Amino acid sequence: MLQSELISIIEQTAPLSLMAEWDHSGVQVASARADIRHLAVCLDPAPEQLRAAVEAGADMVLTHHPLAMRPAWTSALNGYTDALSILYRNDVPLYASHTTLDANPLGPSAWLPDLLGLEDRVILEKTGTFTAPDGSVIEGGFGCAGRLPEAMSLARLCAVMREALPLERMCGVARLIGDPDREIRRVAVCTGSGSSLLEEAAATGADVFITGDVKYHDALALASRHDARSPNFCPMAILDVGHFSLEEEMIRRFALLLDRKLDDVTVTFLPGRDPFLPLTFLSEVPEVLS
């Protein structure tokens, strides 16, 4: 398949019209290679992932995160220059579907709202519009909120999340702010880093916001608002499952979607690795705790 045709198919699900102003989705490293027979898909353009893609025989790589968010010098040897070296030496183009994928409410970014069966969804932050396969114009944006088919306790929702995202996928860590016995009817979700959308999630009447990278002071401020005596009372709970887990599953599902669409291109998903190391290794070295 021609590289240009493959990019057009990628952009059917991750349209550039949805890209945030601060983002850099699209072609990251250009190549004159015309024909693409093997596409590798992964979350991050890390050197180890790019080496694995080349070793698997891929002649193009699709990632979620961009290689760089702003122009960068190549005056020092680091992961950025290592990635460029791997791609250029093997003549492999790199394409990133970042906020373009995050903002499509009909795409893989909706995997958790779909799993939870959220109804009557609204977008937390709109970024643009795109044309759906049926010709209709759809609004896109970051995150969504919707109603559960049946209410459940916050503890039960956490159990559902644990089943959907095994602890080994989350480095064994998920952080909760809120009363586990509280009844949950409305859920807000944002993949990746959604802490900037806390107020937008609360404004939808969400009982819980599932996201990653919630900062300490943001969490502290929201926790203080759980007191009904607070002038800014907000009982919304937060479930922080980290940046990696929701997006890793999103990009895996994007790879499956592309594999179904591309008859003459092999699609290989390369599982990623959360950069945070779980502390389970401490059980093997008890002298550290003594």
C-alpha atoms as a PDB file:
ATOM      1  CA  MET A   1       0.000   0.000   0.000  1.00  0.00           C
ATOM      2  CA  LEU A   2       1.238   3.496  -0.737  1.00  0.00           C
ATOM      3  CA  GLN A   3       2.418   5.379   2.348  1.00  0.00           C
ATOM      4  CA  SER A   4       0.080   8.253   1.464  1.00  0.00           C
ATOM      5  CA  GLU A   5      -2.900   5.868   1.291  1.00  0.00           C
ATOM      6  CA  LEU A   6      -2.018   4.346   4.656  1.00  0.00           C
ATOM      7  CA  ILE A   7      -1.779   7.776   6.274  1.00  0.00           C
ATOM      8  CA  SER A   8      -5.209   8.649   4.845  1.00  0.00           C
ATOM      9  CA  ILE A   9      -6.671   5.514   6.468  1.00  0.00           C
ATOM     10  CA  ILE A  10      -5.012   6.358   9.803  1.00  0.00           C
ATOM     11  CA  GLU A  11      -6.497   9.855   9.625  1.00  0.00           C
ATOM     12  CA  GLN A  12      -9.997   8.484   9.112  1.00  0.00           C
ATOM     13  CA  THR A  13      -9.875   7.505  12.796  1.00  0.00           C
ATOM     14  CA  ALA A  14      -7.431  10.195  13.951  1.00  0.00           C
ATOM     15  CA  PRO A  15      -8.396  13.260  11.837  1.00  0.00           C
ATOM     16  CA  LEU A  16      -6.002  16.195  11.901  1.00  0.00           C
ATOM     17  CA  SER A  17      -8.971  18.559  12.295  1.00  0.00           C
ATOM     18  CA  LEU A  18      -9.239  17.412  15.923  1.00  0.00           C
ATOM     19  CA  MET A  19      -5.619  18.184  16.825  1.00  0.00           C
ATOM     20  CA  ALA A  20      -5.107  20.522  19.786  1.00  0.00           C
ATOM     21  CA  GLU A  21      -3.333  23.806  19.066  1.00  0.00           C
ATOM     22  CA  TRP A  22      -0.346  22.828  21.218  1.00  0.00           C
ATOM     23  CA  ASP A  23       0.050  19.359  19.706  1.00  0.00           C
ATOM     24  CA  HIS A  24       2.268  17.949  16.972  1.00  0.00           C
ATOM     25  CA  SER A  25       0.410  14.981  15.476  1.00  0.00           C
ATOM     26  CA  GLY A  26       1.082  13.734  11.953  1.00  0.00           C
ATOM     27  CA  VAL A  27       4.350  12.871  10.205  1.00  0.00           C
ATOM     28  CA  GLN A  28       7.238  12.949  12.689  1.00  0.00           C
ATOM     29  CA  VAL A  29      10.024  11.564  10.523  1.00  0.00           C
ATOM     30  CA  ALA A  30       9.578  11.635   6.762  1.00  0.00           C
ATOM     31  CA  SER A  31      10.741   8.967   4.342  1.00  0.00           C
ATOM     32  CA  ALA A  32      10.647   8.680   0.576  1.00  0.00           C
ATOM     33  CA  ARG A  33       9.623   5.035   0.971  1.00  0.00           C
ATOM     34  CA  ALA A  34       6.502   4.738  -1.163  1.00  0.00           C
ATOM     35  CA  ASP A  35       5.206   1.231  -0.503  1.00  0.00           C
ATOM     36  CA  ILE A  36       4.348   0.081   3.026  1.00  0.00           C
ATOM     37  CA  ARG A  37       3.870  -3.616   3.718  1.00  0.00           C
ATOM     38  CA  HIS A  38       4.321  -3.818   7.498  1.00  0.00           C
ATOM     39  CA  LEU A  39       3.111  -1.263  10.057  1.00  0.00           C
ATOM     40  CA  ALA A  40       4.258  -1.384  13.693  1.00  0.00           C
ATOM     41  CA  VAL A  41       2.003   0.314  16.259  1.00  0.00           C
ATOM     42  CA  CYS A  42       3.016   1.313  19.788  1.00  0.00           C
ATOM     43  CA  LEU A  43       2.379   3.956  22.440  1.00  0.00           C
ATOM     44  CA  ASP A  44       5.774   5.675  22.539  1.00  0.00           C
ATOM     45  CA  PRO A  45       8.533   6.283  19.950  1.00  0.00           C
ATOM     46  CA  ALA A  46      11.143   5.097  22.431  1.00  0.00           C
ATOM     47  CA  PRO A  47      14.383   3.718  20.942  1.00  0.00           C
ATOM     48  CA  GLU A  48      13.714   0.209  22.271  1.00  0.00           C
ATOM     49  CA  GLN A  49      10.275   0.204  20.649  1.00  0.00           C
ATOM     50  CA  LEU A  50      11.675   1.446  17.340  1.00  0.00           C
ATOM     51  CA  ARG A  51      14.400  -1.217  17.392  1.00  0.00           C
ATOM     52  CA  ALA A  52      11.747  -3.864  18.045  1.00  0.00           C
ATOM     53  CA  ALA A  53       9.715  -2.530  15.114  1.00  0.00           C
ATOM     54  CA  VAL A  54      12.696  -2.759  12.756  1.00  0.00           C
ATOM     55  CA  GLU A  55      13.564  -6.236  14.016  1.00  0.00           C
ATOM     56  CA  ALA A  56       9.969  -7.315  13.361  1.00  0.00           C
ATOM     57  CA  GLY A  57      10.356  -6.180   9.748  1.00  0.00           C
ATOM     58  CA  ALA A  58       8.192  -3.065   9.931  1.00  0.00           C
ATOM     59  CA  ASP A  59       8.743  -0.422   7.264  1.00  0.00           C
ATOM     60  CA  MET A  60       6.589   2.216   8.999  1.00  0.00           C
ATOM     61  CA  VAL A  61       5.847   3.002  12.660  1.00  0.00           C
ATOM     62  CA  LEU A  62       2.676   4.537  14.113  1.00  0.00           C
ATOM     63  CA  THR A  63       2.803   5.827  17.684  1.00  0.00           C
ATOM     64  CA  HIS A  64       0.410   7.704  19.920  1.00  0.00           C
ATOM     65  CA  HIS A  65       2.901  10.079  21.498  1.00  0.00           C
ATOM     66  CA  PRO A  66       4.918  12.360  19.183  1.00  0.00           C
ATOM     67  CA  LEU A  67       8.691  12.087  18.934  1.00  0.00           C
ATOM     68  CA  ALA A  68       8.932  15.697  20.116  1.00  0.00           C
ATOM     69  CA  MET A  69       6.381  18.345  21.054  1.00  0.00           C
ATOM     70  CA  ARG A  70       8.601  21.183  19.814  1.00  0.00           C
ATOM     71  CA  PRO A  71      11.671  21.509  17.560  1.00  0.00           C
ATOM     72  CA  ALA A  72      14.746  20.028  19.205  1.00  0.00           C
ATOM     73  CA  TRP A  73      18.454  20.356  18.503  1.00  0.00           C
ATOM     74  CA  THR A  74      20.501  17.240  17.751  1.00  0.00           C
ATOM     75  CA  SER A  75      23.627  18.614  19.409  1.00  0.00           C
ATOM     76  CA  ALA A  76      23.684  15.914  22.131  1.00  0.00           C
ATOM     77  CA  LEU A  77      23.328  12.159  22.063  1.00  0.00           C
ATOM     78  CA  ASN A  78      20.112  11.127  23.803  1.00  0.00           C
ATOM     79  CA  GLY A  79      16.909   9.152  23.245  1.00  0.00           C
ATOM     80  CA  TYR A  80      15.748  11.649  20.640  1.00  0.00           C
ATOM     81  CA  THR A  81      18.854  11.349  18.490  1.00  0.00           C
ATOM     82  CA  ASP A  82      18.908   7.575  19.035  1.00  0.00           C
ATOM     83  CA  ALA A  83      15.338   7.353  17.715  1.00  0.00           C
ATOM     84  CA  LEU A  84      16.189   9.489  14.695  1.00  0.00           C
ATOM     85  CA  SER A  85      19.235   7.337  13.970  1.00  0.00           C
ATOM     86  CA  ILE A  86      17.203   4.108  14.027  1.00  0.00           C
ATOM     87  CA  LEU A  87      14.535   5.532  11.723  1.00  0.00           C
ATOM     88  CA  TYR A  88      16.893   7.164   9.222  1.00  0.00           C
ATOM     89  CA  ARG A  89      19.313   4.225   9.029  1.00  0.00           C
ATOM     90  CA  ASN A  90      16.431   1.905   8.200  1.00  0.00           C
ATOM     91  CA  ASP A  91      14.472   4.391   6.071  1.00  0.00           C
ATOM     92  CA  VAL A  92      11.377   3.962   8.282  1.00  0.00           C
ATOM     93  CA  PRO A  93       8.806   6.781   8.449  1.00  0.00           C
ATOM     94  CA  LEU A  94       7.234   7.665  11.797  1.00  0.00           C
ATOM     95  CA  TYR A  95       3.676   8.964  12.198  1.00  0.00           C
ATOM     96  CA  ALA A  96       2.005  10.014  15.475  1.00  0.00           C
ATOM     97  CA  SER A  97      -1.734  10.078  16.188  1.00  0.00           C
ATOM     98  CA  HIS A  98      -1.775  11.979  19.465  1.00  0.00           C
ATOM     99  CA  THR A  99      -4.617  14.375  20.301  1.00  0.00           C
ATOM    100  CA  THR A 100      -6.118  13.494  16.914  1.00  0.00           C
ATOM    101  CA  LEU A 101      -6.831  10.025  18.324  1.00  0.00           C
ATOM    102  CA  ASP A 102      -7.668  11.198  21.860  1.00  0.00           C
ATOM    103  CA  ALA A 103     -10.346  13.574  20.568  1.00  0.00           C
ATOM    104  CA  ASN A 104     -12.361  11.163  18.392  1.00  0.00           C
ATOM    105  CA  PRO A 105     -15.407  10.147  20.491  1.00  0.00           C
ATOM    106  CA  LEU A 106     -16.173   7.332  18.025  1.00  0.00           C
ATOM    107  CA  GLY A 107     -12.651   5.879  18.038  1.00  0.00           C
ATOM    108  CA  PRO A 108     -10.478   3.717  20.305  1.00  0.00           C
ATOM    109  CA  SER A 109     -10.197   6.509  22.887  1.00  0.00           C
ATOM    110  CA  ALA A 110     -13.777   5.630  23.871  1.00  0.00           C
ATOM    111  CA  TRP A 111     -12.892   2.072  24.835  1.00  0.00           C
ATOM    112  CA  LEU A 112     -13.489   2.593  28.567  1.00  0.00           C
ATOM    113  CA  PRO A 113     -16.785   4.542  28.178  1.00  0.00           C
ATOM    114  CA  ASP A 114     -17.871   1.762  25.802  1.00  0.00           C
ATOM    115  CA  LEU A 115     -16.828  -0.924  28.305  1.00  0.00           C
ATOM    116  CA  LEU A 116     -18.787   0.825  31.075  1.00  0.00           C
ATOM    117  CA  GLY A 117     -21.745   1.349  28.725  1.00  0.00           C
ATOM    118  CA  LEU A 118     -21.932   5.081  29.439  1.00  0.00           C
ATOM    119  CA  GLU A 119     -25.095   6.666  28.056  1.00  0.00           C
ATOM    120  CA  ASP A 120     -25.905  10.251  27.003  1.00  0.00           C
ATOM    121  CA  ARG A 121     -22.238  11.203  26.680  1.00  0.00           C
ATOM    122  CA  VAL A 122     -20.938  14.764  26.592  1.00  0.00           C
ATOM    123  CA  ILE A 123     -17.402  15.912  25.713  1.00  0.00           C
ATOM    124  CA  LEU A 124     -15.375  17.593  28.447  1.00  0.00           C
ATOM    125  CA  GLU A 125     -13.306  19.874  26.160  1.00  0.00           C
ATOM    126  CA  LYS A 126     -14.173  20.303  22.480  1.00  0.00           C
ATOM    127  CA  THR A 127     -11.322  20.645  19.972  1.00  0.00           C
ATOM    128  CA  GLY A 128     -12.969  20.550  16.549  1.00  0.00           C
ATOM    129  CA  THR A 129     -15.181  18.622  14.154  1.00  0.00           C
ATOM    130  CA  PHE A 130     -14.678  15.824  11.637  1.00  0.00           C
ATOM    131  CA  THR A 131     -16.744  13.974   9.069  1.00  0.00           C
ATOM    132  CA  ALA A 132     -17.861  10.488  10.102  1.00  0.00           C
ATOM    133  CA  PRO A 133     -17.978   7.576   7.602  1.00  0.00           C
ATOM    134  CA  ASP A 134     -21.723   8.153   7.125  1.00  0.00           C
ATOM    135  CA  GLY A 135     -21.084  11.772   6.105  1.00  0.00           C
ATOM    136  CA  SER A 136     -22.335  13.352   9.320  1.00  0.00           C
ATOM    137  CA  VAL A 137     -20.281  16.060  11.027  1.00  0.00           C
ATOM    138  CA  ILE A 138     -19.189  15.013  14.521  1.00  0.00           C
ATOM    139  CA  GLU A 139     -17.817  17.177  17.322  1.00  0.00           C
ATOM    140  CA  GLY A 140     -14.663  15.860  18.930  1.00  0.00           C
ATOM    141  CA  GLY A 141     -12.662  16.666  22.007  1.00  0.00           C
ATOM    142  CA  PHE A 142     -10.939  15.434  25.135  1.00  0.00           C
ATOM    143  CA  GLY A 143     -12.677  13.152  27.612  1.00  0.00           C
ATOM    144  CA  CYS A 144     -16.346  12.479  28.113  1.00  0.00           C
ATOM    145  CA  ALA A 145     -18.942  12.000  30.813  1.00  0.00           C
ATOM    146  CA  GLY A 146     -21.980   9.764  30.766  1.00  0.00           C
ATOM    147  CA  ARG A 147     -24.481   7.817  32.832  1.00  0.00           C
ATOM    148  CA  LEU A 148     -23.941   4.213  33.909  1.00  0.00           C
ATOM    149  CA  PRO A 149     -26.719   1.788  32.870  1.00  0.00           C
ATOM    150  CA  GLU A 150     -27.026   0.870  36.555  1.00  0.00           C
ATOM    151  CA  ALA A 151     -25.649   2.610  39.616  1.00  0.00           C
ATOM    152  CA  MET A 152     -22.827   0.904  41.514  1.00  0.00           C
ATOM    153  CA  SER A 153     -20.652   1.683  44.504  1.00  0.00           C
ATOM    154  CA  LEU A 154     -17.307   3.371  43.970  1.00  0.00           C
ATOM    155  CA  ALA A 155     -15.653   0.249  45.372  1.00  0.00           C
ATOM    156  CA  ARG A 156     -17.436  -1.878  42.744  1.00  0.00           C
ATOM    157  CA  LEU A 157     -16.352   0.498  39.982  1.00  0.00           C
ATOM    158  CA  CYS A 158     -12.762   0.194  41.183  1.00  0.00           C
ATOM    159  CA  ALA A 159     -13.118  -3.599  41.000  1.00  0.00           C
ATOM    160  CA  VAL A 160     -14.379  -3.294  37.427  1.00  0.00           C
ATOM    161  CA  MET A 161     -11.398  -1.108  36.606  1.00  0.00           C
ATOM    162  CA  ARG A 162      -9.023  -3.578  38.193  1.00  0.00           C
ATOM    163  CA  GLU A 163     -10.455  -6.320  35.993  1.00  0.00           C
ATOM    164  CA  ALA A 164     -10.248  -4.142  32.870  1.00  0.00           C
ATOM    165  CA  LEU A 165      -6.736  -2.952  33.738  1.00  0.00           C
ATOM    166  CA  PRO A 166      -4.824  -5.667  35.611  1.00  0.00           C
ATOM    167  CA  LEU A 167      -2.541  -4.245  38.263  1.00  0.00           C
ATOM    168  CA  GLU A 168       0.567  -5.343  36.376  1.00  0.00           C
ATOM    169  CA  ARG A 169      -0.525  -2.969  33.585  1.00  0.00           C
ATOM    170  CA  MET A 170      -0.749  -0.126  36.125  1.00  0.00           C
ATOM    171  CA  CYS A 171       2.533  -0.841  37.943  1.00  0.00           C
ATOM    172  CA  GLY A 172       0.359  -2.059  40.810  1.00  0.00           C
ATOM    173  CA  VAL A 173      -0.755   1.492  41.611  1.00  0.00           C
ATOM    174  CA  ALA A 174      -4.138   3.204  41.330  1.00  0.00           C
ATOM    175  CA  ARG A 175      -4.988   6.173  43.535  1.00  0.00           C
ATOM    176  CA  LEU A 176      -8.470   7.015  44.769  1.00  0.00           C
ATOM    177  CA  ILE A 177      -9.948  10.144  46.324  1.00  0.00           C
ATOM    178  CA  GLY A 178     -13.465   9.546  47.626  1.00  0.00           C
ATOM    179  CA  ASP A 179     -15.712   7.353  49.758  1.00  0.00           C
ATOM    180  CA  PRO A 180     -15.612   3.727  48.468  1.00  0.00           C
ATOM    181  CA  ASP A 181     -19.237   3.230  49.609  1.00  0.00           C
ATOM    182  CA  ARG A 182     -20.549   6.173  47.612  1.00  0.00           C
ATOM    183  CA  GLU A 183     -23.098   5.374  44.884  1.00  0.00           C
ATOM    184  CA  ILE A 184     -21.846   6.144  41.377  1.00  0.00           C
ATOM    185  CA  ARG A 185     -24.294   6.999  38.619  1.00  0.00           C
ATOM    186  CA  ARG A 186     -22.342   9.360  36.375  1.00  0.00           C
ATOM    187  CA  VAL A 187     -18.733   8.775  35.249  1.00  0.00           C
ATOM    188  CA  ALA A 188     -16.243  11.089  33.529  1.00  0.00           C
ATOM    189  CA  VAL A 189     -13.222   9.644  31.733  1.00  0.00           C
ATOM    190  CA  CYS A 190     -10.116  11.135  30.115  1.00  0.00           C
ATOM    191  CA  THR A 191      -7.219   9.039  28.844  1.00  0.00           C
ATOM    192  CA  GLY A 192      -3.653  10.083  29.589  1.00  0.00           C
ATOM    193  CA  SER A 193      -3.191  13.235  31.627  1.00  0.00           C
ATOM    194  CA  GLY A 194      -6.617  14.672  32.418  1.00  0.00           C
ATOM    195  CA  SER A 195      -5.944  16.629  35.599  1.00  0.00           C
ATOM    196  CA  SER A 196      -6.474  19.913  33.731  1.00  0.00           C
ATOM    197  CA  LEU A 197     -10.097  18.864  33.136  1.00  0.00           C
ATOM    198  CA  LEU A 198     -11.084  18.341  36.788  1.00  0.00           C
ATOM    199  CA  GLU A 199     -13.433  21.334  36.807  1.00  0.00           C
ATOM    200  CA  GLU A 200     -14.969  20.379  33.453  1.00  0.00           C
ATOM    201  CA  ALA A 201     -15.602  16.847  34.735  1.00  0.00           C
ATOM    202  CA  ALA A 202     -17.179  18.173  37.937  1.00  0.00           C
ATOM    203  CA  ALA A 203     -19.387  20.552  35.935  1.00  0.00           C
ATOM    204  CA  THR A 204     -21.019  17.577  34.178  1.00  0.00           C
ATOM    205  CA  GLY A 205     -22.257  16.289  37.536  1.00  0.00           C
ATOM    206  CA  ALA A 206     -19.870  13.307  37.424  1.00  0.00           C
ATOM    207  CA  ASP A 207     -19.688  11.237  40.602  1.00  0.00           C
ATOM    208  CA  VAL A 208     -16.178  10.041  39.689  1.00  0.00           C
ATOM    209  CA  PHE A 209     -13.474  11.120  37.231  1.00  0.00           C
ATOM    210  CA  ILE A 210     -11.181   8.385  35.873  1.00  0.00           C
ATOM    211  CA  THR A 211      -7.919   9.703  34.448  1.00  0.00           C
ATOM    212  CA  GLY A 212      -4.154   9.845  35.017  1.00  0.00           C
ATOM    213  CA  ASP A 213      -1.452  12.214  36.270  1.00  0.00           C
ATOM    214  CA  VAL A 214      -3.535  14.001  38.898  1.00  0.00           C
ATOM    215  CA  LYS A 215      -1.183  16.435  40.654  1.00  0.00           C
ATOM    216  CA  TYR A 216      -0.897  16.433  44.415  1.00  0.00           C
ATOM    217  CA  HIS A 217      -2.132  19.990  44.957  1.00  0.00           C
ATOM    218  CA  ASP A 218      -5.064  19.502  42.585  1.00  0.00           C
ATOM    219  CA  ALA A 219      -5.995  16.358  44.487  1.00  0.00           C
ATOM    220  CA  LEU A 220      -5.610  18.156  47.810  1.00  0.00           C
ATOM    221  CA  ALA A 221      -7.844  21.019  46.669  1.00  0.00           C
ATOM    222  CA  LEU A 222     -10.537  18.653  45.462  1.00  0.00           C
ATOM    223  CA  ALA A 223     -10.353  16.515  48.614  1.00  0.00           C
ATOM    224  CA  SER A 224     -10.953  19.643  50.703  1.00  0.00           C
ATOM    225  CA  ARG A 225     -14.106  20.315  48.682  1.00  0.00           C
ATOM    226  CA  HIS A 226     -15.591  16.960  49.716  1.00  0.00           C
ATOM    227  CA  ASP A 227     -16.629  18.641  52.970  1.00  0.00           C
ATOM    228  CA  ALA A 228     -20.275  19.714  52.571  1.00  0.00           C
ATOM    229  CA  ARG A 229     -19.425  22.869  54.539  1.00  0.00           C
ATOM    230  CA  SER A 230     -17.008  23.987  51.818  1.00  0.00           C
ATOM    231  CA  PRO A 231     -18.228  27.014  49.808  1.00  0.00           C
ATOM    232  CA  ASN A 232     -17.041  25.164  46.683  1.00  0.00           C
ATOM    233  CA  PHE A 233     -18.507  21.796  47.687  1.00  0.00           C
ATOM    234  CA  CYS A 234     -17.779  19.106  45.104  1.00  0.00           C
ATOM    235  CA  PRO A 235     -18.264  15.433  46.054  1.00  0.00           C
ATOM    236  CA  MET A 236     -16.740  14.080  42.819  1.00  0.00           C
ATOM    237  CA  ALA A 237     -14.299  11.244  43.437  1.00  0.00           C
ATOM    238  CA  ILE A 238     -11.108  10.772  41.414  1.00  0.00           C
ATOM    239  CA  LEU A 239      -9.600   7.489  40.287  1.00  0.00           C
ATOM    240  CA  ASP A 240      -6.051   8.098  39.015  1.00  0.00           C
ATOM    241  CA  VAL A 241      -4.878   5.011  37.110  1.00  0.00           C
ATOM    242  CA  GLY A 242      -1.748   6.630  35.692  1.00  0.00           C
ATOM    243  CA  HIS A 243      -0.930   7.966  32.254  1.00  0.00           C
ATOM    244  CA  PHE A 244       0.112   4.656  30.724  1.00  0.00           C
ATOM    245  CA  SER A 245      -2.725   2.214  31.297  1.00  0.00           C
ATOM    246  CA  LEU A 246      -5.688   3.796  29.496  1.00  0.00           C
ATOM    247  CA  GLU A 247      -3.606   4.927  26.524  1.00  0.00           C
ATOM    248  CA  GLU A 248      -1.788   1.618  26.117  1.00  0.00           C
ATOM    249  CA  GLU A 249      -5.155  -0.122  25.737  1.00  0.00           C
ATOM    250  CA  MET A 250      -6.369   2.624  23.394  1.00  0.00           C
ATOM    251  CA  ILE A 251      -3.422   2.234  21.013  1.00  0.00           C
ATOM    252  CA  ARG A 252      -3.703  -1.572  21.162  1.00  0.00           C
ATOM    253  CA  ARG A 253      -7.309  -1.280  20.006  1.00  0.00           C
ATOM    254  CA  PHE A 254      -6.268   1.164  17.285  1.00  0.00           C
ATOM    255  CA  ALA A 255      -3.826  -1.478  16.018  1.00  0.00           C
ATOM    256  CA  LEU A 256      -6.628  -4.065  15.928  1.00  0.00           C
ATOM    257  CA  LEU A 257      -8.870  -1.628  14.048  1.00  0.00           C
ATOM    258  CA  LEU A 258      -6.173  -0.951  11.448  1.00  0.00           C
ATOM    259  CA  ASP A 259      -5.453  -4.659  11.121  1.00  0.00           C
ATOM    260  CA  ARG A 260      -9.110  -5.195  10.132  1.00  0.00           C
ATOM    261  CA  LYS A 261      -8.988  -2.336   7.619  1.00  0.00           C
ATOM    262  CA  LEU A 262      -5.657  -3.118   5.952  1.00  0.00           C
ATOM    263  CA  ASP A 263      -5.851  -6.234   3.807  1.00  0.00           C
ATOM    264  CA  ASP A 264      -2.400  -5.931   2.234  1.00  0.00           C
ATOM    265  CA  VAL A 265      -0.455  -4.499   5.193  1.00  0.00           C
ATOM    266  CA  THR A 266       0.734  -6.517   8.186  1.00  0.00           C
ATOM    267  CA  VAL A 267      -0.010  -4.724  11.470  1.00  0.00           C
ATOM    268  CA  THR A 268       2.063  -5.553  14.547  1.00  0.00           C
ATOM    269  CA  PHE A 269       1.259  -4.135  17.978  1.00  0.00           C
ATOM    270  CA  LEU A 270       4.300  -3.693  20.212  1.00  0.00           C
ATOM    271  CA  PRO A 271       3.293  -3.657  23.909  1.00  0.00           C
ATOM    272  CA  GLY A 272       4.787  -0.783  25.847  1.00  0.00           C
ATOM    273  CA  ARG A 273       6.204  -0.480  29.335  1.00  0.00           C
ATOM    274  CA  ASP A 274       5.156   1.928  32.050  1.00  0.00           C
ATOM    275  CA  PRO A 275       8.308   3.914  32.930  1.00  0.00           C
ATOM    276  CA  PHE A 276       7.370   3.750  36.623  1.00  0.00           C
ATOM    277  CA  LEU A 277       8.766   0.710  38.411  1.00  0.00           C
ATOM    278  CA  PRO A 278       6.409  -1.103  40.817  1.00  0.00           C
ATOM    279  CA  LEU A 279       7.758  -1.637  44.314  1.00  0.00           C
ATOM    280  CA  THR A 280       6.908  -5.345  44.310  1.00  0.00           C
ATOM    281  CA  PHE A 281      10.642  -6.027  43.971  1.00  0.00           C
ATOM    282  CA  LEU A 282      11.077  -4.910  47.621  1.00  0.00           C
ATOM    283  CA  SER A 283       9.510  -8.182  48.796  1.00  0.00           C
ATOM    284  CA  GLU A 284      12.517  -9.961  47.324  1.00  0.00           C
ATOM    285  CA  VAL A 285      15.037  -7.840  49.236  1.00  0.00           C
ATOM    286  CA  PRO A 286      13.648  -7.581  52.801  1.00  0.00           C
ATOM    287  CA  GLU A 287      16.978  -6.227  54.127  1.00  0.00           C
ATOM    288  CA  VAL A 288      16.105  -2.923  52.444  1.00  0.00           C
ATOM    289  CA  LEU A 289      13.223  -2.561  54.878  1.00  0.00           C
ATOM    290  CA  SER A 290      15.233  -3.430  57.981  1.00  0.00           C
END
